[in-house]
Amino acid sequence: MTALVIAEHDNNAIKGATLNTVTAALACGGDVHVLVAGHNTAAAAAAAQAAQIAGVSKVIHADDAGLAHGLAENVAAQVLAIASGYSHLLFPATASGKNVAPRVAAKLDVAQVSDITKVIAADTFERPIYAGNAIATVQSLDATKVLTVRTTGFDAAAATGGAAAVETAPAQTASGKSTFVGNEIAKSERPELTAAKIIVSGGRALGSSEKFNEVMTPLADKLGAAIGASRAAVDAGYAANDLQVGQTGKIVAPQLYIAAGISGAIQHLAGMKDSKVIVAINKDPEAPIFSVADYGLEADLFTAVPELVKAL
């Protein structure tokens, strides 16, 4: 029994979500291989980095121009070309993984098990349902298990300490069904939201994008934190879409999560309630966010947050 982890990388370095997915693969039992699909020497560097992940016994490197930008059709074809040798195919439950995994499952004619948070046995997994209010135990009888892994449910595997062999796999010809046109990368000195150890999030109570930046940015700067937002704040235009935390945004589990002016709608709680320490600042004593908070401050955020910044 061997599991294959489809690595997520930026054509230079392995992303943290891959490390959590390796931990899930190890829990399935048997050997763990990692597929790094990319192009040129940068992807080769990512493959070399993957070989150092603790617990990985083999890295498969596929190099082709069609794999340079991670187009779902081409990556899925690459996975399918080698899938027959594996009992488990694991993808991080990220935008990229969620794009590729269903294509693979459909072509294999198997049921995908999405967003797993625990491996009970090689064929049995736990996954949250109803916005995390219930946990389903799912048993898959398919010969090949296609899984997406909620990274907050598993500790990251050690990035160093391994010494896996790197093998080259024949690259699949690009399908031609999609082409890469371009990308616009938002550069920020802040930590990536899904990998940050500290996150400060603002809600609709901030009232405007100007107030959002005025209140939340100094606190994030003091703590070296990433900035997040509730869906209500994003929908109102106070914050960028990629800052949304929640069931329809990003799932996070930092060491410290500070929620200012967030009432705690169920879809938001589903994305952050696994945080180690949750601090809620809200003037409504009945706000649902207080039900999951370790520390709650019933106060006006426009007064409390600046005072907190000064105290820090």
Protein backbone atom coordinates (compact mmCIF):
# COMPACT_ATOMS: atom_id res chain seq x y z
CA MET A 1 0.00 0.00 0.00
CA THR A 2 1.55 3.27 -1.17
CA ALA A 3 0.20 6.81 -1.02
CA LEU A 4 0.97 9.58 -3.49
CA VAL A 5 0.94 13.21 -2.35
CA ILE A 6 0.54 15.77 -5.12
CA ALA A 7 2.85 18.56 -4.03
CA GLU A 8 1.83 22.18 -4.13
CA HIS A 9 4.71 24.50 -5.00
CA ASP A 10 5.47 27.81 -6.67
CA ASN A 11 7.97 26.35 -9.17
CA ASN A 12 10.69 27.12 -6.67
CA ALA A 13 9.80 25.88 -3.18
CA ILE A 14 7.34 23.44 -1.65
CA LYS A 15 4.38 25.15 0.02
CA GLY A 16 3.52 24.41 3.63
CA ALA A 17 0.23 22.70 2.76
CA THR A 18 2.23 19.85 1.23
CA LEU A 19 3.86 19.10 4.59
CA ASN A 20 0.47 18.69 6.30
CA THR A 21 -0.70 16.45 3.47
CA VAL A 22 2.38 14.24 3.88
CA THR A 23 1.43 13.74 7.55
CA ALA A 24 -2.04 12.60 6.47
CA ALA A 25 -0.49 10.24 3.91
CA LEU A 26 1.78 8.71 6.55
CA ALA A 27 -1.28 8.05 8.72
CA CYS A 28 -2.77 5.97 5.88
CA GLY A 29 0.06 3.47 6.30
CA GLY A 30 2.65 2.23 3.82
CA ASP A 31 5.17 4.22 1.82
CA VAL A 32 4.64 7.85 0.85
CA HIS A 33 5.67 9.22 -2.54
CA VAL A 34 5.44 12.84 -3.64
CA LEU A 35 4.72 14.06 -7.17
CA VAL A 36 6.28 17.39 -8.13
CA ALA A 37 4.91 18.51 -11.50
CA GLY A 38 6.49 21.64 -12.94
CA HIS A 39 8.98 23.01 -15.42
CA ASN A 40 12.68 23.92 -15.62
CA THR A 41 15.32 24.09 -12.92
CA ALA A 42 13.02 25.87 -10.46
CA ALA A 43 10.71 22.85 -10.34
CA ALA A 44 13.76 20.63 -9.96
CA ALA A 45 14.68 22.65 -6.87
CA ALA A 46 11.20 22.04 -5.48
CA ALA A 47 11.64 18.31 -6.12
CA ALA A 48 14.95 18.33 -4.26
CA GLN A 49 13.26 20.10 -1.37
CA ALA A 50 10.46 17.53 -1.35
CA ALA A 51 13.05 14.77 -1.07
CA GLN A 52 14.11 16.19 2.29
CA ILE A 53 10.63 15.93 3.85
CA ALA A 54 10.66 13.44 6.71
CA GLY A 55 8.73 10.27 5.95
CA VAL A 56 8.84 10.55 2.15
CA SER A 57 10.44 7.52 0.47
CA LYS A 58 10.35 8.69 -3.16
CA VAL A 59 9.86 11.90 -5.14
CA ILE A 60 8.57 11.74 -8.70
CA HIS A 61 9.50 14.75 -10.80
CA ALA A 62 7.60 15.47 -14.01
CA ASP A 63 9.01 18.31 -16.10
CA ASP A 64 7.11 19.86 -19.01
CA ALA A 65 6.16 23.32 -20.23
CA GLY A 66 2.50 22.37 -19.88
CA LEU A 67 3.02 21.85 -16.15
CA ALA A 68 4.72 25.19 -15.54
CA HIS A 69 1.65 26.99 -14.20
CA GLY A 70 -0.23 24.14 -12.56
CA LEU A 71 -3.14 24.07 -15.00
CA ALA A 72 -5.64 21.60 -13.56
CA GLU A 73 -6.20 19.63 -16.78
CA ASN A 74 -2.49 19.02 -17.30
CA VAL A 75 -1.68 18.19 -13.67
CA ALA A 76 -4.64 15.80 -13.52
CA ALA A 77 -3.39 14.01 -16.65
CA GLN A 78 0.03 13.66 -15.04
CA VAL A 79 -1.46 12.18 -11.86
CA LEU A 80 -3.62 9.76 -13.85
CA ALA A 81 -0.58 8.54 -15.79
CA ILE A 82 0.95 7.10 -12.61
CA ALA A 83 -2.16 6.60 -10.45
CA SER A 84 -2.40 2.85 -11.01
CA GLY A 85 0.53 2.22 -8.70
CA TYR A 86 -1.08 3.86 -5.66
CA SER A 87 -3.78 3.05 -3.14
CA HIS A 88 -4.21 6.66 -2.00
CA LEU A 89 -3.95 9.95 -3.90
CA LEU A 90 -3.81 12.93 -1.55
CA PHE A 91 -4.16 16.61 -2.42
CA PRO A 92 -4.03 19.63 -0.09
CA ALA A 93 -7.55 21.09 0.24
CA THR A 94 -6.41 24.36 -1.28
CA ALA A 95 -7.70 26.15 -4.37
CA SER A 96 -5.20 24.21 -6.46
CA GLY A 97 -5.86 20.82 -4.89
CA LYS A 98 -9.62 21.25 -5.07
CA ASN A 99 -9.25 22.05 -8.76
CA VAL A 100 -7.28 18.93 -9.67
CA ALA A 101 -8.62 16.21 -7.33
CA PRO A 102 -12.21 16.02 -8.69
CA ARG A 103 -10.88 15.60 -12.23
CA VAL A 104 -8.74 12.69 -11.09
CA ALA A 105 -11.57 11.08 -9.12
CA ALA A 106 -13.97 11.40 -12.04
CA LYS A 107 -11.53 9.82 -14.49
CA LEU A 108 -10.88 6.95 -12.07
CA ASP A 109 -14.63 6.61 -11.47
CA VAL A 110 -14.21 6.73 -7.69
CA ALA A 111 -15.78 8.84 -4.96
CA GLN A 112 -13.61 11.65 -3.67
CA VAL A 113 -13.43 12.07 0.11
CA SER A 114 -13.08 15.80 0.68
CA ASP A 115 -11.52 17.87 3.44
CA ILE A 116 -10.43 15.03 5.70
CA THR A 117 -9.26 16.03 9.18
CA LYS A 118 -8.35 12.60 10.56
CA VAL A 119 -7.29 9.18 9.30
CA ILE A 120 -8.94 6.43 11.35
CA ALA A 121 -7.82 3.57 9.11
CA ALA A 122 -6.52 3.16 5.59
CA ASP A 123 -10.09 3.22 4.26
CA THR A 124 -11.83 5.31 6.94
CA PHE A 125 -11.61 9.06 7.46
CA GLU A 126 -13.22 11.91 9.36
CA ARG A 127 -14.40 15.09 7.67
CA PRO A 128 -16.41 18.08 8.91
CA ILE A 129 -19.95 18.67 7.62
CA TYR A 130 -22.59 21.33 8.30
CA ALA A 131 -19.94 24.06 8.51
CA GLY A 132 -17.96 22.03 11.02
CA ASN A 133 -20.85 21.49 13.43
CA ALA A 134 -20.74 17.74 12.89
CA ILE A 135 -17.99 15.29 12.00
CA ALA A 136 -18.77 12.53 9.50
CA THR A 137 -16.90 9.24 9.52
CA VAL A 138 -16.55 8.09 5.92
CA GLN A 139 -15.43 4.67 4.73
CA SER A 140 -14.30 4.33 1.12
CA LEU A 141 -14.49 0.93 -0.56
CA ASP A 142 -12.86 2.16 -3.77
CA ALA A 143 -9.60 0.54 -4.78
CA THR A 144 -8.02 3.99 -5.09
CA LYS A 145 -8.82 6.59 -2.46
CA VAL A 146 -8.81 10.18 -3.73
CA LEU A 147 -8.57 12.51 -0.75
CA THR A 148 -8.29 16.24 -0.17
CA VAL A 149 -6.69 17.11 3.17
CA ARG A 150 -7.74 20.01 5.39
CA THR A 151 -4.29 21.16 6.36
CA THR A 152 -5.37 22.57 9.73
CA GLY A 153 -6.31 19.03 10.78
CA PHE A 154 -2.75 17.65 10.58
CA ASP A 155 0.59 18.79 11.92
CA ALA A 156 3.18 19.64 9.29
CA ALA A 157 5.77 16.97 8.56
CA ALA A 158 9.37 18.00 9.20
CA ALA A 159 10.71 19.79 6.13
CA THR A 160 14.17 18.34 6.67
CA GLY A 161 15.59 15.03 7.77
CA GLY A 162 14.47 12.91 4.85
CA ALA A 163 16.62 11.53 2.04
CA ALA A 164 14.20 10.30 -0.61
CA ALA A 165 15.29 9.31 -4.09
CA VAL A 166 14.17 11.61 -6.91
CA GLU A 167 12.96 9.89 -10.05
CA THR A 168 11.90 11.44 -13.34
CA ALA A 169 8.54 10.50 -14.82
CA PRO A 170 7.61 10.97 -18.48
CA ALA A 171 5.59 14.15 -18.76
CA GLN A 172 2.15 14.02 -20.29
CA THR A 173 1.49 16.18 -23.32
CA ALA A 174 -0.52 19.32 -22.52
CA SER A 175 -4.22 18.76 -23.17
CA GLY A 176 -4.72 22.07 -24.93
CA LYS A 177 -8.05 22.48 -23.12
CA SER A 178 -6.72 25.47 -21.21
CA THR A 179 -3.88 27.92 -21.65
CA PHE A 180 -2.06 30.16 -19.24
CA VAL A 181 -2.64 33.82 -20.02
CA GLY A 182 -1.09 35.61 -17.07
CA ASN A 183 -1.29 36.30 -13.38
CA GLU A 184 -1.28 39.25 -11.05
CA ILE A 185 0.49 38.52 -7.81
CA ALA A 186 -0.29 40.72 -4.83
CA LYS A 187 2.99 41.28 -3.03
CA SER A 188 2.94 41.70 0.71
CA GLU A 189 5.49 41.67 3.48
CA ARG A 190 2.92 40.06 5.74
CA PRO A 191 2.78 36.28 6.29
CA GLU A 192 0.53 34.26 4.00
CA LEU A 193 -2.89 34.01 5.62
CA THR A 194 -3.10 30.20 5.71
CA ALA A 195 0.43 29.86 7.11
CA ALA A 196 0.47 32.75 9.59
CA LYS A 197 0.97 32.09 13.30
CA ILE A 198 -0.97 35.24 14.23
CA ILE A 199 -4.01 36.61 12.39
CA VAL A 200 -6.02 39.75 13.12
CA SER A 201 -9.41 39.86 11.40
CA GLY A 202 -11.91 42.66 11.00
CA GLY A 203 -15.64 42.55 10.37
CA ARG A 204 -18.45 44.65 8.95
CA ALA A 205 -18.55 46.74 12.15
CA LEU A 206 -15.47 48.62 10.92
CA GLY A 207 -17.78 50.47 8.53
CA SER A 208 -15.47 51.26 5.61
CA SER A 209 -12.26 50.18 3.92
CA GLU A 210 -10.55 53.31 5.28
CA LYS A 211 -11.48 52.43 8.85
CA PHE A 212 -10.57 48.79 8.25
CA ASN A 213 -7.03 49.77 7.27
CA GLU A 214 -6.78 52.49 9.90
CA VAL A 215 -7.74 50.18 12.78
CA MET A 216 -6.44 46.74 11.74
CA THR A 217 -3.12 47.59 10.09
CA PRO A 218 -1.36 49.04 13.19
CA LEU A 219 -2.37 45.99 15.23
CA ALA A 220 -1.11 43.61 12.54
CA ASP A 221 2.13 45.58 12.29
CA LYS A 222 2.70 45.39 16.06
CA LEU A 223 2.12 41.63 16.15
CA GLY A 224 3.75 40.74 12.83
CA ALA A 225 0.41 39.24 11.90
CA ALA A 226 -1.51 38.47 8.75
CA ILE A 227 -4.75 40.35 8.17
CA GLY A 228 -8.04 38.53 7.64
CA ALA A 229 -11.64 39.57 7.21
CA SER A 230 -15.14 38.21 7.58
CA ARG A 231 -17.26 37.53 4.51
CA ALA A 232 -19.49 40.46 5.43
CA ALA A 233 -16.49 42.81 5.40
CA VAL A 234 -15.32 41.43 2.05
CA ASP A 235 -18.79 41.63 0.50
CA ALA A 236 -19.08 45.24 1.67
CA GLY A 237 -15.79 46.06 -0.05
CA TYR A 238 -13.85 46.81 3.14
CA ALA A 239 -11.20 44.14 2.44
CA ALA A 240 -9.86 42.20 -0.52
CA ASN A 241 -11.44 38.86 -1.40
CA ASP A 242 -8.22 36.93 -0.69
CA LEU A 243 -8.39 38.02 2.95
CA GLN A 244 -11.69 36.25 3.62
CA VAL A 245 -11.63 33.70 6.42
CA GLY A 246 -14.45 31.18 6.58
CA GLN A 247 -16.16 28.26 4.96
CA THR A 248 -16.24 30.05 1.60
CA GLY A 249 -12.86 31.68 2.17
CA LYS A 250 -9.69 30.36 3.77
CA ILE A 251 -9.52 27.83 6.58
CA VAL A 252 -6.96 28.92 9.17
CA ALA A 253 -5.66 27.65 12.49
CA PRO A 254 -3.03 30.09 13.79
CA GLN A 255 -1.57 30.18 17.28
CA LEU A 256 -3.47 33.43 17.92
CA TYR A 257 -6.60 34.72 16.18
CA ILE A 258 -7.95 38.17 17.06
CA ALA A 259 -11.44 38.96 15.77
CA ALA A 260 -12.47 42.62 15.93
CA GLY A 261 -16.02 43.59 15.07
CA ILE A 262 -16.91 40.10 13.85
CA SER A 263 -20.25 38.79 15.13
CA GLY A 264 -19.37 35.15 14.42
CA ALA A 265 -21.59 33.92 11.62
CA ILE A 266 -21.45 30.14 11.29
CA GLN A 267 -19.55 30.28 7.99
CA HIS A 268 -16.83 32.42 9.61
CA LEU A 269 -16.54 30.20 12.68
CA ALA A 270 -16.08 27.18 10.40
CA GLY A 271 -12.91 28.76 9.05
CA MET A 272 -11.16 29.76 12.27
CA LYS A 273 -12.49 27.88 15.30
CA ASP A 274 -9.51 25.48 15.28
CA SER A 275 -7.20 28.40 16.16
CA LYS A 276 -5.19 27.70 19.31
CA VAL A 277 -6.16 30.94 21.10
CA ILE A 278 -9.10 33.09 19.99
CA VAL A 279 -9.58 36.67 21.18
CA ALA A 280 -12.88 38.40 20.36
CA ILE A 281 -13.55 42.13 20.58
CA ASN A 282 -17.21 43.07 20.11
CA LYS A 283 -19.62 45.47 21.78
CA ASP A 284 -22.52 43.00 21.47
CA PRO A 285 -22.45 40.64 24.49
CA GLU A 286 -24.67 38.17 22.60
CA ALA A 287 -22.33 37.89 19.60
CA PRO A 288 -21.80 34.20 18.66
CA ILE A 289 -18.04 34.79 18.36
CA PHE A 290 -17.83 34.79 22.17
CA SER A 291 -18.98 31.15 22.24
CA VAL A 292 -15.70 30.01 20.66
CA ALA A 293 -13.41 32.68 22.09
CA ASP A 294 -10.84 31.91 24.78
CA TYR A 295 -10.78 35.60 25.71
CA GLY A 296 -13.64 38.01 25.06
CA LEU A 297 -13.66 41.79 25.39
CA GLU A 298 -17.05 43.49 25.33
CA ALA A 299 -16.03 46.90 24.04
CA ASP A 300 -16.13 49.30 21.12
CA LEU A 301 -13.39 48.13 18.76
CA PHE A 302 -12.61 51.73 17.72
CA THR A 303 -11.53 52.35 21.32
CA ALA A 304 -10.22 48.93 22.32
CA VAL A 305 -7.99 48.14 19.34
CA PRO A 306 -6.00 51.43 19.42
CA GLU A 307 -5.57 50.99 23.18
CA LEU A 308 -4.30 47.47 22.59
CA VAL A 309 -1.83 48.78 20.00
CA LYS A 310 -0.56 51.37 22.46
CA ALA A 311 -0.19 48.74 25.19
CA LEU A 312 1.86 46.53 22.87
